[in-house]
């Protein structure tokens, strides 16, 4: 694996200085390790807010999580005034790729208190979505199609596909604003509240999409070392406070677990063995979700 630079390349820093000539110059850089796609650094600014400089890796080959710097800029501009995202500073191109600069959120990544995430998610889901965002999967047929597309990139056809229920869950038709990557590492506890970072793959669609990513046993295992307990999941839905959405998620859960299991399989086959445990957790959750 290529070792990431501890500070931005000189040419990126030169482009940064040209893009924001009146912004405080960071006096030190620290490589941030939370992201799994792009490279980001924390810059310390004397007399001003610290910043995050994110260098995008280009169009994602990832079959589940896109990587769009323009979408991230749009969402940061929209949501920072709402108090649920970092403040956008600038966007610029470099010979290494596109960069976004935004204010750093001091604090810790989320670890516990699912009701707090549920309330943050519910707040996001009632906001109007900007135009031009991609559409997330909506309904079981769309989820099966996406799962098969991911499996098509793998070397084996997994046995768990035969476990999916035959009954269809129809599309919701909703155009809810979605973060589409609400994993523990993208939820920051700062200033006594939660905020969301890493907005490079937002979407519109069924709110169950955000819920499924957050509740995913694989994502919880990868980012905080253990899946959510049944009690933590129940507390999430109580705080989200929409029984129709909760019931819809329960009906769609086998399809979401199958999709995430396929994604973990793809990651394992692409030399990320850490996803192996997630694959087994998702298959187990799929089987559990089929029980009456």
Protein backbone atom coordinates (compact mmCIF):
# COMPACT_ATOMS: atom_id res chain seq x y z
CA UNK A 1 0.00 0.00 0.00
CA UNK A 2 1.32 3.46 -0.93
CA UNK A 3 2.28 5.50 2.11
CA UNK A 4 0.26 8.71 2.28
CA UNK A 5 2.11 12.02 2.68
CA UNK A 6 1.94 13.56 6.15
CA UNK A 7 1.30 16.99 4.62
CA UNK A 8 -0.11 18.21 1.30
CA UNK A 9 2.28 18.29 -1.69
CA UNK A 10 3.90 21.66 -2.35
CA UNK A 11 1.96 22.16 -5.57
CA UNK A 12 -1.32 21.64 -3.70
CA UNK A 13 -0.29 24.17 -1.07
CA UNK A 14 0.62 26.64 -3.82
CA UNK A 15 -2.82 26.18 -5.41
CA UNK A 16 -4.40 26.61 -1.98
CA UNK A 17 -2.59 29.93 -1.45
CA UNK A 18 -3.83 31.16 -4.84
CA UNK A 19 -7.41 30.01 -4.17
CA UNK A 20 -7.76 31.67 -0.74
CA UNK A 21 -5.10 34.43 -0.59
CA UNK A 22 -6.77 36.18 2.33
CA UNK A 23 -7.30 33.08 4.47
CA UNK A 24 -4.97 32.40 7.40
CA UNK A 25 -2.09 30.17 6.31
CA UNK A 26 -1.99 26.86 8.22
CA UNK A 27 1.12 26.56 10.37
CA UNK A 28 1.06 22.78 10.51
CA UNK A 29 -0.57 19.82 8.82
CA UNK A 30 -1.66 16.44 10.17
CA UNK A 31 -2.81 13.56 7.99
CA UNK A 32 -6.35 12.45 8.84
CA UNK A 33 -6.88 8.69 8.82
CA UNK A 34 -10.67 8.35 9.01
CA UNK A 35 -11.50 8.37 5.29
CA UNK A 36 -11.23 5.28 3.11
CA UNK A 37 -11.25 6.94 -0.34
CA UNK A 38 -9.74 10.44 -0.40
CA UNK A 39 -6.75 11.99 1.35
CA UNK A 40 -7.38 14.72 3.92
CA UNK A 41 -5.20 16.85 6.16
CA UNK A 42 -5.97 18.94 9.23
CA UNK A 43 -4.37 22.36 9.02
CA UNK A 44 -3.76 24.44 12.14
CA UNK A 45 -4.40 28.16 11.62
CA UNK A 46 -3.15 30.65 14.16
CA UNK A 47 -5.83 33.23 14.94
CA UNK A 48 -8.46 31.52 12.77
CA UNK A 49 -10.46 28.32 12.56
CA UNK A 50 -8.51 25.21 11.67
CA UNK A 51 -9.24 23.71 8.28
CA UNK A 52 -9.50 20.37 6.51
CA UNK A 53 -7.97 20.09 3.06
CA UNK A 54 -9.43 17.16 1.14
CA UNK A 55 -7.73 15.90 -2.02
CA UNK A 56 -10.11 13.77 -4.06
CA UNK A 57 -8.94 10.49 -5.52
CA UNK A 58 -10.99 11.00 -8.68
CA UNK A 59 -14.07 9.18 -9.89
CA UNK A 60 -14.74 6.30 -7.54
CA UNK A 61 -14.54 2.74 -8.76
CA UNK A 62 -16.43 1.95 -5.55
CA UNK A 63 -19.75 0.28 -6.49
CA UNK A 64 -21.68 1.63 -3.49
CA UNK A 65 -20.22 5.00 -2.48
CA UNK A 66 -19.62 7.61 -5.24
CA UNK A 67 -16.99 10.34 -4.87
CA UNK A 68 -18.20 13.73 -6.10
CA UNK A 69 -16.39 16.87 -4.87
CA UNK A 70 -19.00 19.13 -6.48
CA UNK A 71 -21.78 17.41 -4.53
CA UNK A 72 -19.81 17.84 -1.31
CA UNK A 73 -19.37 21.56 -1.97
CA UNK A 74 -23.10 21.94 -2.66
CA UNK A 75 -24.11 20.16 0.53
CA UNK A 76 -21.62 21.96 2.74
CA UNK A 77 -22.85 25.33 1.47
CA UNK A 78 -26.45 24.25 2.09
CA UNK A 79 -26.10 22.57 5.47
CA UNK A 80 -23.39 24.44 7.37
CA UNK A 81 -25.85 27.28 8.17
CA UNK A 82 -28.21 24.61 9.54
CA UNK A 83 -25.55 23.58 12.03
CA UNK A 84 -25.14 19.99 10.85
CA UNK A 85 -22.08 20.19 8.56
CA UNK A 86 -18.69 21.94 8.44
CA UNK A 87 -18.38 25.44 6.97
CA UNK A 88 -17.20 25.43 3.35
CA UNK A 89 -14.20 27.66 2.53
CA UNK A 90 -13.05 27.00 -1.04
CA UNK A 91 -12.77 24.56 -3.91
CA UNK A 92 -9.90 24.46 -6.41
CA UNK A 93 -8.08 22.23 -8.88
CA UNK A 94 -4.48 21.07 -8.60
CA UNK A 95 -2.16 18.89 -10.66
CA UNK A 96 -2.92 16.13 -8.10
CA UNK A 97 -6.69 16.47 -8.41
CA UNK A 98 -9.62 18.47 -7.09
CA UNK A 99 -9.54 19.86 -3.54
CA UNK A 100 -12.15 21.15 -1.14
CA UNK A 101 -11.24 23.25 1.88
CA UNK A 102 -13.60 23.50 4.85
CA UNK A 103 -13.42 24.33 8.53
CA UNK A 104 -12.26 21.57 10.84
CA UNK A 105 -14.71 20.30 13.46
CA UNK A 106 -12.94 19.77 16.78
CA UNK A 107 -14.28 16.77 18.64
CA UNK A 108 -14.57 13.00 18.53
CA UNK A 109 -16.14 10.57 16.11
CA UNK A 110 -19.42 9.05 17.25
CA UNK A 111 -19.20 5.91 19.37
CA UNK A 112 -22.42 5.56 21.34
CA UNK A 113 -25.91 7.09 21.78
CA UNK A 114 -27.95 5.94 18.78
CA UNK A 115 -30.90 8.22 19.65
CA UNK A 116 -28.68 11.27 19.04
CA UNK A 117 -27.85 9.99 15.54
CA UNK A 118 -31.51 9.25 14.89
CA UNK A 119 -32.50 12.81 15.77
CA UNK A 120 -29.74 14.22 13.55
CA UNK A 121 -30.83 11.97 10.69
CA UNK A 122 -34.48 12.94 11.12
CA UNK A 123 -33.49 16.62 10.98
CA UNK A 124 -31.59 16.01 7.75
CA UNK A 125 -34.46 14.06 6.23
CA UNK A 126 -36.95 16.92 6.54
CA UNK A 127 -34.73 19.43 4.74
CA UNK A 128 -35.34 20.24 1.06
CA UNK A 129 -32.83 18.60 -1.27
CA UNK A 130 -30.91 20.65 -3.86
CA UNK A 131 -31.35 19.79 -7.52
CA UNK A 132 -28.93 17.55 -9.36
CA UNK A 133 -28.28 14.86 -6.76
CA UNK A 134 -28.23 11.22 -7.77
CA UNK A 135 -31.15 8.94 -6.86
CA UNK A 136 -30.56 6.23 -4.27
CA UNK A 137 -32.05 2.75 -4.54
CA UNK A 138 -35.74 2.73 -3.72
CA UNK A 139 -37.54 -0.56 -3.13
CA UNK A 140 -36.43 -4.18 -3.14
CA UNK A 141 -36.13 -4.57 -6.92
CA UNK A 142 -33.67 -1.67 -7.15
CA UNK A 143 -31.67 -3.05 -4.23
CA UNK A 144 -31.48 -6.49 -5.84
CA UNK A 145 -30.27 -4.93 -9.10
CA UNK A 146 -27.55 -3.01 -7.32
CA UNK A 147 -26.54 -6.08 -5.34
CA UNK A 148 -26.23 -8.11 -8.54
CA UNK A 149 -24.15 -5.33 -10.11
CA UNK A 150 -21.74 -5.50 -7.16
CA UNK A 151 -21.62 -9.31 -7.28
CA UNK A 152 -20.89 -9.04 -11.00
CA UNK A 153 -17.61 -7.35 -10.07
CA UNK A 154 -16.67 -10.28 -7.81
CA UNK A 155 -15.06 -13.57 -8.67
CA UNK A 156 -17.68 -15.75 -6.98
CA UNK A 157 -21.47 -15.79 -6.75
CA UNK A 158 -22.28 -15.83 -3.03
CA UNK A 159 -24.75 -18.34 -1.63
CA UNK A 160 -26.61 -15.72 0.39
CA UNK A 161 -28.34 -14.40 -2.73
CA UNK A 162 -30.65 -17.41 -2.61
CA UNK A 163 -31.83 -16.36 0.86
CA UNK A 164 -33.56 -13.20 -0.32
CA UNK A 165 -37.36 -13.19 0.09
CA UNK A 166 -39.49 -13.40 -3.03
CA UNK A 167 -42.04 -10.78 -1.96
CA UNK A 168 -41.39 -7.31 -3.37
CA UNK A 169 -41.24 -4.07 -1.39
CA UNK A 170 -42.45 -1.32 -3.69
CA UNK A 171 -40.55 1.99 -4.15
CA UNK A 172 -41.45 4.71 -1.70
CA UNK A 173 -41.27 7.44 -4.34
CA UNK A 174 -39.79 9.81 -1.76
CA UNK A 175 -37.14 12.41 -2.56
CA UNK A 176 -35.62 12.68 0.91
CA UNK A 177 -32.24 14.37 1.22
CA UNK A 178 -29.71 11.65 2.11
CA UNK A 179 -26.12 11.76 3.28
CA UNK A 180 -25.80 8.15 2.02
CA UNK A 181 -22.68 7.38 4.08
CA UNK A 182 -23.65 7.88 7.72
CA UNK A 183 -21.08 5.59 9.29
CA UNK A 184 -19.63 6.26 12.77
CA UNK A 185 -16.51 7.89 11.31
CA UNK A 186 -18.61 10.52 9.53
CA UNK A 187 -20.51 11.63 12.64
CA UNK A 188 -18.59 14.11 14.79
CA UNK A 189 -19.44 15.10 18.36
CA UNK A 190 -18.47 18.77 18.53
CA UNK A 191 -19.60 21.64 20.71
CA UNK A 192 -22.20 19.50 22.45
CA UNK A 193 -23.93 18.38 19.24
CA UNK A 194 -23.47 16.00 16.33
CA UNK A 195 -22.49 17.06 12.81
CA UNK A 196 -21.94 15.12 9.59
CA UNK A 197 -18.78 15.17 7.48
CA UNK A 198 -17.74 13.53 4.18
CA UNK A 199 -20.55 14.62 1.88
CA UNK A 200 -19.07 13.27 -1.35
CA UNK A 201 -21.89 10.80 -2.08
CA UNK A 202 -25.23 12.46 -1.16
CA UNK A 203 -28.46 11.40 -2.82
CA UNK A 204 -32.23 11.71 -2.75
CA UNK A 205 -34.63 8.86 -2.13
CA UNK A 206 -35.91 6.51 0.55
CA UNK A 207 -34.83 7.54 4.07
CA UNK A 208 -34.23 3.83 4.76
CA UNK A 209 -31.02 4.18 2.72
CA UNK A 210 -29.38 6.32 5.41
CA UNK A 211 -30.79 4.15 8.17
CA UNK A 212 -29.46 0.96 6.56
CA UNK A 213 -25.93 2.34 6.20
CA UNK A 214 -25.85 3.51 9.81
CA UNK A 215 -27.32 0.29 11.25
CA UNK A 216 -25.12 -1.92 9.06
CA UNK A 217 -23.26 -4.44 11.24
CA UNK A 218 -20.29 -4.32 8.86
CA UNK A 219 -19.95 -0.54 8.99
CA UNK A 220 -20.33 -0.47 12.77
CA UNK A 221 -17.70 -3.20 13.10
CA UNK A 222 -15.26 -1.43 10.79
CA UNK A 223 -15.56 1.99 12.39
CA UNK A 224 -16.12 1.31 16.09
CA UNK A 225 -15.21 -2.33 16.58
CA UNK A 226 -18.63 -3.88 17.18
CA UNK A 227 -22.13 -4.00 15.68
CA UNK A 228 -25.04 -2.29 17.37
CA UNK A 229 -26.93 -4.27 19.98
CA UNK A 230 -30.63 -4.95 19.63
CA UNK A 231 -31.24 -2.41 22.39
CA UNK A 232 -29.23 0.26 20.57
CA UNK A 233 -31.16 -0.40 17.36
CA UNK A 234 -34.50 -0.22 19.16
CA UNK A 235 -33.46 3.05 20.80
CA UNK A 236 -32.57 4.44 17.36
CA UNK A 237 -36.03 3.79 15.95
CA UNK A 238 -37.77 5.17 19.04
CA UNK A 239 -35.82 8.42 18.63
CA UNK A 240 -36.33 8.57 14.85
CA UNK A 241 -40.04 8.51 15.69
CA UNK A 242 -41.57 7.40 12.39
CA UNK A 243 -43.18 3.97 12.64
CA UNK A 244 -43.94 3.86 8.91
CA UNK A 245 -40.26 4.28 8.07
CA UNK A 246 -39.27 1.80 10.78
CA UNK A 247 -41.66 -0.83 9.41
CA UNK A 248 -40.50 -0.20 5.87
CA UNK A 249 -36.88 -0.65 6.93
CA UNK A 250 -37.70 -3.97 8.61
CA UNK A 251 -39.25 -5.24 5.37
CA UNK A 252 -36.25 -4.06 3.36
CA UNK A 253 -33.60 -5.22 5.85
CA UNK A 254 -32.80 -8.54 4.08
CA UNK A 255 -32.12 -6.66 0.84
CA UNK A 256 -29.94 -4.05 2.53
CA UNK A 257 -27.93 -6.75 4.33
CA UNK A 258 -27.47 -8.67 1.08
CA UNK A 259 -26.23 -5.54 -0.68
CA UNK A 260 -23.76 -4.75 2.10
CA UNK A 261 -22.59 -8.37 2.19
CA UNK A 262 -21.91 -8.16 -1.55
CA UNK A 263 -20.03 -4.90 -1.01
CA UNK A 264 -17.89 -6.49 1.71
CA UNK A 265 -17.16 -9.42 -0.60
CA UNK A 266 -16.03 -6.98 -3.30
CA UNK A 267 -13.77 -5.22 -0.79
CA UNK A 268 -12.23 -8.52 0.36
CA UNK A 269 -11.52 -9.47 -3.24
CA UNK A 270 -9.83 -6.08 -3.66
CA UNK A 271 -7.29 -6.73 -0.91
CA UNK A 272 -9.15 -5.27 2.05
CA UNK A 273 -9.36 -8.27 4.39
CA UNK A 274 -10.80 -6.16 7.21
CA UNK A 275 -14.13 -6.44 5.44
CA UNK A 276 -14.17 -10.22 5.93
CA UNK A 277 -15.71 -9.96 9.38
CA UNK A 278 -18.25 -7.50 8.02
CA UNK A 279 -19.25 -9.97 5.32
CA UNK A 280 -20.02 -12.64 7.89
CA UNK A 281 -21.89 -10.16 10.11
CA UNK A 282 -24.08 -9.05 7.22
CA UNK A 283 -24.89 -12.63 6.18
CA UNK A 284 -25.86 -13.43 9.77
CA UNK A 285 -28.00 -10.28 9.97
CA UNK A 286 -29.65 -11.21 6.66
CA UNK A 287 -30.62 -14.61 7.99
CA UNK A 288 -31.83 -13.09 11.27
CA UNK A 289 -33.96 -10.50 9.43
CA UNK A 290 -35.88 -13.31 7.69
CA UNK A 291 -37.13 -14.79 10.94
CA UNK A 292 -40.73 -14.00 11.91
